[in-house]
Amino acid sequence: MEVAYRIDKLVEQSVIVELKAVETLAPIHHAQLFCYLKLSGIKLGLLINFNVPHLRDGIKRMANNL
């Protein structure tokens, strides 16, 4: 069985950006980004949900061992 993960965007080899367009962010979305951070060794990630009235309300920052 092939195992793969796909990061939506990687910025300057230092920030993972995971893009969503969902009603509300679920714990699985946070777990997915945290898994990407751990597997890649990258310290910072942004989880962005575009299904919100104001984009600033849909951005969550996550850090791995900072």
PDB file of N, CA and C in Angstrom:
ATOM      1  N   MET A   1       0.839  -1.176   0.000  1.00  0.00           N
ATOM      2  CA  MET A   1       0.000   0.000   0.000  1.00  0.00           C
ATOM      3  C   MET A   1       0.885   1.240   0.000  1.00  0.00           C
ATOM      4  N   GLU A   2       0.648   2.120  -0.938  1.00  0.00           N
ATOM      5  CA  GLU A   2       1.444   3.332  -1.045  1.00  0.00           C
ATOM      6  C   GLU A   2       0.958   4.361  -0.030  1.00  0.00           C
ATOM      7  N   VAL A   3       1.891   4.927   0.710  1.00  0.00           N
ATOM      8  CA  VAL A   3       1.555   5.951   1.695  1.00  0.00           C
ATOM      9  C   VAL A   3       2.154   7.275   1.221  1.00  0.00           C
ATOM     10  N   ALA A   4       1.331   8.293   1.158  1.00  0.00           N
ATOM     11  CA  ALA A   4       1.813   9.602   0.704  1.00  0.00           C
ATOM     12  C   ALA A   4       1.010  10.696   1.381  1.00  0.00           C
ATOM     13  N   TYR A   5       1.619  11.834   1.498  1.00  0.00           N
ATOM     14  CA  TYR A   5       0.901  13.007   1.973  1.00  0.00           C
ATOM     15  C   TYR A   5       1.242  14.149   1.035  1.00  0.00           C
ATOM     16  N   ARG A   6       0.332  15.090   0.942  1.00  0.00           N
ATOM     17  CA  ARG A   6       0.536  16.211   0.030  1.00  0.00           C
ATOM     18  C   ARG A   6       0.315  17.524   0.764  1.00  0.00           C
ATOM     19  N   ILE A   7       1.371  18.259   0.869  1.00  0.00           N
ATOM     20  CA  ILE A   7       1.294  19.590   1.451  1.00  0.00           C
ATOM     21  C   ILE A   7       0.716  20.510   0.386  1.00  0.00           C
ATOM     22  N   ASP A   8      -0.264  21.328   0.764  1.00  0.00           N
ATOM     23  CA  ASP A   8      -0.867  22.236  -0.217  1.00  0.00           C
ATOM     24  C   ASP A   8       0.149  23.261  -0.716  1.00  0.00           C
ATOM     25  N   LYS A   9       0.810  23.953   0.182  1.00  0.00           N
ATOM     26  CA  LYS A   9       1.821  24.953  -0.184  1.00  0.00           C
ATOM     27  C   LYS A   9       2.960  24.900   0.817  1.00  0.00           C
ATOM     28  N   LEU A  10       4.171  25.064   0.301  1.00  0.00           N
ATOM     29  CA  LEU A  10       5.359  25.156   1.138  1.00  0.00           C
ATOM     30  C   LEU A  10       6.045  26.472   0.795  1.00  0.00           C
ATOM     31  N   VAL A  11       6.172  27.341   1.780  1.00  0.00           N
ATOM     32  CA  VAL A  11       6.712  28.684   1.565  1.00  0.00           C
ATOM     33  C   VAL A  11       8.142  28.756   2.091  1.00  0.00           C
ATOM     34  N   GLU A  12       9.089  29.051   1.188  1.00  0.00           N
ATOM     35  CA  GLU A  12      10.495  29.255   1.561  1.00  0.00           C
ATOM     36  C   GLU A  12      11.069  28.109   2.397  1.00  0.00           C
ATOM     37  N   GLN A  13      10.588  26.913   2.184  1.00  0.00           N
ATOM     38  CA  GLN A  13      11.068  25.741   2.931  1.00  0.00           C
ATOM     39  C   GLN A  13      10.958  25.922   4.442  1.00  0.00           C
ATOM     40  N   SER A  14      10.026  26.799   4.892  1.00  0.00           N
ATOM     41  CA  SER A  14       9.941  27.057   6.330  1.00  0.00           C
ATOM     42  C   SER A  14       8.521  27.139   6.872  1.00  0.00           C
ATOM     43  N   VAL A  15       7.514  27.249   6.016  1.00  0.00           N
ATOM     44  CA  VAL A  15       6.127  27.340   6.476  1.00  0.00           C
ATOM     45  C   VAL A  15       5.246  26.461   5.587  1.00  0.00           C
ATOM     46  N   ILE A  16       4.493  25.574   6.225  1.00  0.00           N
ATOM     47  CA  ILE A  16       3.519  24.750   5.501  1.00  0.00           C
ATOM     48  C   ILE A  16       2.177  25.462   5.562  1.00  0.00           C
ATOM     49  N   VAL A  17       1.516  25.577   4.420  1.00  0.00           N
ATOM     50  CA  VAL A  17       0.195  26.194   4.351  1.00  0.00           C
ATOM     51  C   VAL A  17      -0.793  25.133   3.894  1.00  0.00           C
ATOM     52  N   GLU A  18      -1.770  24.848   4.725  1.00  0.00           N
ATOM     53  CA  GLU A  18      -2.816  23.871   4.410  1.00  0.00           C
ATOM     54  C   GLU A  18      -4.102  24.642   4.170  1.00  0.00           C
ATOM     55  N   LEU A  19      -4.673  24.482   2.988  1.00  0.00           N
ATOM     56  CA  LEU A  19      -5.847  25.240   2.568  1.00  0.00           C
ATOM     57  C   LEU A  19      -7.107  24.393   2.670  1.00  0.00           C
ATOM     58  N   LYS A  20      -8.165  24.992   3.207  1.00  0.00           N
ATOM     59  CA  LYS A  20      -9.457  24.321   3.348  1.00  0.00           C
ATOM     60  C   LYS A  20     -10.567  25.271   2.936  1.00  0.00           C
ATOM     61  N   ALA A  21     -11.711  24.708   2.608  1.00  0.00           N
ATOM     62  CA  ALA A  21     -12.934  25.476   2.355  1.00  0.00           C
ATOM     63  C   ALA A  21     -14.077  24.668   2.947  1.00  0.00           C
ATOM     64  N   VAL A  22     -14.153  24.669   4.272  1.00  0.00           N
ATOM     65  CA  VAL A  22     -15.114  23.851   5.008  1.00  0.00           C
ATOM     66  C   VAL A  22     -15.966  24.734   5.926  1.00  0.00           C
ATOM     67  N   GLU A  23     -17.096  24.194   6.359  1.00  0.00           N
ATOM     68  CA  GLU A  23     -17.999  24.931   7.252  1.00  0.00           C
ATOM     69  C   GLU A  23     -17.262  25.383   8.519  1.00  0.00           C
ATOM     70  N   THR A  24     -16.631  24.431   9.180  1.00  0.00           N
ATOM     71  CA  THR A  24     -15.802  24.743  10.357  1.00  0.00           C
ATOM     72  C   THR A  24     -14.599  23.804  10.343  1.00  0.00           C
ATOM     73  N   LEU A  25     -13.488  24.284  10.876  1.00  0.00           N
ATOM     74  CA  LEU A  25     -12.308  23.439  10.973  1.00  0.00           C
ATOM     75  C   LEU A  25     -12.530  22.393  12.056  1.00  0.00           C
ATOM     76  N   ALA A  26     -12.240  21.157  11.733  1.00  0.00           N
ATOM     77  CA  ALA A  26     -12.417  20.041  12.665  1.00  0.00           C
ATOM     78  C   ALA A  26     -11.055  19.649  13.247  1.00  0.00           C
ATOM     79  N   PRO A  27     -11.061  18.918  14.341  1.00  0.00           N
ATOM     80  CA  PRO A  27      -9.791  18.467  14.918  1.00  0.00           C
ATOM     81  C   PRO A  27      -8.934  17.675  13.926  1.00  0.00           C
ATOM     82  N   ILE A  28      -9.554  16.982  12.976  1.00  0.00           N
ATOM     83  CA  ILE A  28      -8.784  16.222  11.993  1.00  0.00           C
ATOM     84  C   ILE A  28      -7.948  17.141  11.102  1.00  0.00           C
ATOM     85  N   HIS A  29      -8.425  18.340  10.843  1.00  0.00           N
ATOM     86  CA  HIS A  29      -7.657  19.291  10.031  1.00  0.00           C
ATOM     87  C   HIS A  29      -6.408  19.747  10.774  1.00  0.00           C
ATOM     88  N   HIS A  30      -6.540  19.994  12.060  1.00  0.00           N
ATOM     89  CA  HIS A  30      -5.391  20.369  12.892  1.00  0.00           C
ATOM     90  C   HIS A  30      -4.407  19.208  12.970  1.00  0.00           C
ATOM     91  N   ALA A  31      -4.928  17.992  13.135  1.00  0.00           N
ATOM     92  CA  ALA A  31      -4.073  16.806  13.214  1.00  0.00           C
ATOM     93  C   ALA A  31      -3.320  16.587  11.903  1.00  0.00           C
ATOM     94  N   GLN A  32      -3.981  16.827  10.786  1.00  0.00           N
ATOM     95  CA  GLN A  32      -3.347  16.673   9.476  1.00  0.00           C
ATOM     96  C   GLN A  32      -2.161  17.619   9.341  1.00  0.00           C
ATOM     97  N   LEU A  33      -2.353  18.890   9.668  1.00  0.00           N
ATOM     98  CA  LEU A  33      -1.261  19.858   9.576  1.00  0.00           C
ATOM     99  C   LEU A  33      -0.148  19.507  10.548  1.00  0.00           C
ATOM    100  N   PHE A  34      -0.488  19.106  11.764  1.00  0.00           N
ATOM    101  CA  PHE A  34       0.533  18.754  12.747  1.00  0.00           C
ATOM    102  C   PHE A  34       1.346  17.555  12.258  1.00  0.00           C
ATOM    103  N   CYS A  35       0.686  16.599  11.626  1.00  0.00           N
ATOM    104  CA  CYS A  35       1.379  15.433  11.063  1.00  0.00           C
ATOM    105  C   CYS A  35       2.363  15.875   9.980  1.00  0.00           C
ATOM    106  N   TYR A  36       1.934  16.771   9.101  1.00  0.00           N
ATOM    107  CA  TYR A  36       2.823  17.298   8.062  1.00  0.00           C
ATOM    108  C   TYR A  36       4.031  17.989   8.679  1.00  0.00           C
ATOM    109  N   LEU A  37       3.815  18.751   9.746  1.00  0.00           N
ATOM    110  CA  LEU A  37       4.916  19.441  10.414  1.00  0.00           C
ATOM    111  C   LEU A  37       5.911  18.443  10.989  1.00  0.00           C
ATOM    112  N   LYS A  38       5.410  17.419  11.657  1.00  0.00           N
ATOM    113  CA  LYS A  38       6.289  16.423  12.266  1.00  0.00           C
ATOM    114  C   LYS A  38       7.059  15.636  11.218  1.00  0.00           C
ATOM    115  N   LEU A  39       6.385  15.200  10.163  1.00  0.00           N
ATOM    116  CA  LEU A  39       7.045  14.380   9.149  1.00  0.00           C
ATOM    117  C   LEU A  39       8.090  15.158   8.350  1.00  0.00           C
ATOM    118  N   SER A  40       7.840  16.427   8.144  1.00  0.00           N
ATOM    119  CA  SER A  40       8.756  17.240   7.334  1.00  0.00           C
ATOM    120  C   SER A  40       9.865  17.883   8.154  1.00  0.00           C
ATOM    121  N   GLY A  41       9.670  18.006   9.464  1.00  0.00           N
ATOM    122  CA  GLY A  41      10.644  18.681  10.306  1.00  0.00           C
ATOM    123  C   GLY A  41      10.528  20.197  10.252  1.00  0.00           C
ATOM    124  N   ILE A  42       9.499  20.687   9.604  1.00  0.00           N
ATOM    125  CA  ILE A  42       9.268  22.129   9.514  1.00  0.00           C
ATOM    126  C   ILE A  42       8.578  22.585  10.787  1.00  0.00           C
ATOM    127  N   LYS A  43       8.913  23.782  11.249  1.00  0.00           N
ATOM    128  CA  LYS A  43       8.436  24.262  12.549  1.00  0.00           C
ATOM    129  C   LYS A  43       7.099  24.997  12.510  1.00  0.00           C
ATOM    130  N   LEU A  44       6.777  25.704  11.423  1.00  0.00           N
ATOM    131  CA  LEU A  44       5.572  26.535  11.386  1.00  0.00           C
ATOM    132  C   LEU A  44       4.591  26.084  10.317  1.00  0.00           C
ATOM    133  N   GLY A  45       3.294  26.227  10.655  1.00  0.00           N
ATOM    134  CA  GLY A  45       2.256  25.906   9.691  1.00  0.00           C
ATOM    135  C   GLY A  45       1.067  26.837   9.834  1.00  0.00           C
ATOM    136  N   LEU A  46       0.385  27.061   8.726  1.00  0.00           N
ATOM    137  CA  LEU A  46      -0.847  27.851   8.719  1.00  0.00           C
ATOM    138  C   LEU A  46      -1.967  26.992   8.166  1.00  0.00           C
ATOM    139  N   LEU A  47      -3.068  26.969   8.883  1.00  0.00           N
ATOM    140  CA  LEU A  47      -4.275  26.289   8.447  1.00  0.00           C
ATOM    141  C   LEU A  47      -5.262  27.381   8.066  1.00  0.00           C
ATOM    142  N   ILE A  48      -5.612  27.462   6.785  1.00  0.00           N
ATOM    143  CA  ILE A  48      -6.446  28.556   6.299  1.00  0.00           C
ATOM    144  C   ILE A  48      -7.758  28.003   5.757  1.00  0.00           C
ATOM    145  N   ASN A  49      -8.863  28.486   6.320  1.00  0.00           N
ATOM    146  CA  ASN A  49     -10.198  28.116   5.874  1.00  0.00           C
ATOM    147  C   ASN A  49     -10.790  29.295   5.107  1.00  0.00           C
ATOM    148  N   PHE A  50     -11.109  29.077   3.842  1.00  0.00           N
ATOM    149  CA  PHE A  50     -11.641  30.151   2.999  1.00  0.00           C
ATOM    150  C   PHE A  50     -13.159  30.296   3.108  1.00  0.00           C
ATOM    151  N   ASN A  51     -13.820  29.395   3.812  1.00  0.00           N
ATOM    152  CA  ASN A  51     -15.273  29.455   3.934  1.00  0.00           C
ATOM    153  C   ASN A  51     -15.687  30.234   5.187  1.00  0.00           C
ATOM    154  N   VAL A  52     -15.224  31.473   5.275  1.00  0.00           N
ATOM    155  CA  VAL A  52     -15.559  32.361   6.389  1.00  0.00           C
ATOM    156  C   VAL A  52     -15.849  33.752   5.832  1.00  0.00           C
ATOM    157  N   PRO A  53     -16.671  34.540   6.531  1.00  0.00           N
ATOM    158  CA  PRO A  53     -16.964  35.891   6.036  1.00  0.00           C
ATOM    159  C   PRO A  53     -15.728  36.789   5.959  1.00  0.00           C
ATOM    160  N   HIS A  54     -14.835  36.690   6.939  1.00  0.00           N
ATOM    161  CA  HIS A  54     -13.606  37.477   6.970  1.00  0.00           C
ATOM    162  C   HIS A  54     -12.428  36.509   7.063  1.00  0.00           C
ATOM    163  N   LEU A  55     -11.530  36.596   6.103  1.00  0.00           N
ATOM    164  CA  LEU A  55     -10.420  35.645   6.038  1.00  0.00           C
ATOM    165  C   LEU A  55      -9.598  35.620   7.325  1.00  0.00           C
ATOM    166  N   ARG A  56      -9.462  36.754   7.995  1.00  0.00           N
ATOM    167  CA  ARG A  56      -8.677  36.785   9.243  1.00  0.00           C
ATOM    168  C   ARG A  56      -9.240  35.825  10.288  1.00  0.00           C
ATOM    169  N   ASP A  57     -10.537  35.514  10.202  1.00  0.00           N
ATOM    170  CA  ASP A  57     -11.155  34.570  11.142  1.00  0.00           C
ATOM    171  C   ASP A  57     -10.883  33.119  10.772  1.00  0.00           C
ATOM    172  N   GLY A  58     -10.378  32.873   9.573  1.00  0.00           N
ATOM    173  CA  GLY A  58     -10.155  31.512   9.122  1.00  0.00           C
ATOM    174  C   GLY A  58      -8.707  31.075   9.146  1.00  0.00           C
ATOM    175  N   ILE A  59      -7.829  31.876   9.740  1.00  0.00           N
ATOM    176  CA  ILE A  59      -6.400  31.541   9.756  1.00  0.00           C
ATOM    177  C   ILE A  59      -5.988  31.075  11.151  1.00  0.00           C
ATOM    178  N   LYS A  60      -5.411  29.881  11.203  1.00  0.00           N
ATOM    179  CA  LYS A  60      -4.895  29.325  12.455  1.00  0.00           C
ATOM    180  C   LYS A  60      -3.418  29.019  12.278  1.00  0.00           C
ATOM    181  N   ARG A  61      -2.614  29.452  13.228  1.00  0.00           N
ATOM    182  CA  ARG A  61      -1.167  29.213  13.200  1.00  0.00           C
ATOM    183  C   ARG A  61      -0.845  28.031  14.103  1.00  0.00           C
ATOM    184  N   MET A  62       0.019  27.152  13.623  1.00  0.00           N
ATOM    185  CA  MET A  62       0.457  26.011  14.428  1.00  0.00           C
ATOM    186  C   MET A  62       1.989  25.970  14.434  1.00  0.00           C
ATOM    187  N   ALA A  63       2.541  25.570  15.549  1.00  0.00           N
ATOM    188  CA  ALA A  63       3.992  25.468  15.674  1.00  0.00           C
ATOM    189  C   ALA A  63       4.367  24.092  16.208  1.00  0.00           C
ATOM    190  N   ASN A  64       5.465  23.576  15.712  1.00  0.00           N
ATOM    191  CA  ASN A  64       5.979  22.275  16.132  1.00  0.00           C
ATOM    192  C   ASN A  64       7.300  22.491  16.861  1.00  0.00           C
ATOM    193  N   ASN A  65       7.291  22.341  18.176  1.00  0.00           N
ATOM    194  CA  ASN A  65       8.493  22.467  19.005  1.00  0.00           C
ATOM    195  C   ASN A  65       9.167  23.826  18.911  1.00  0.00           C
ATOM    196  N   LEU A  66       8.396  24.879  19.030  1.00  0.00           N
ATOM    197  CA  LEU A  66       8.981  26.226  19.066  1.00  0.00           C
ATOM    198  C   LEU A  66       8.934  26.772  20.467  1.00  0.00           C
TER     199      LEU A  66
END
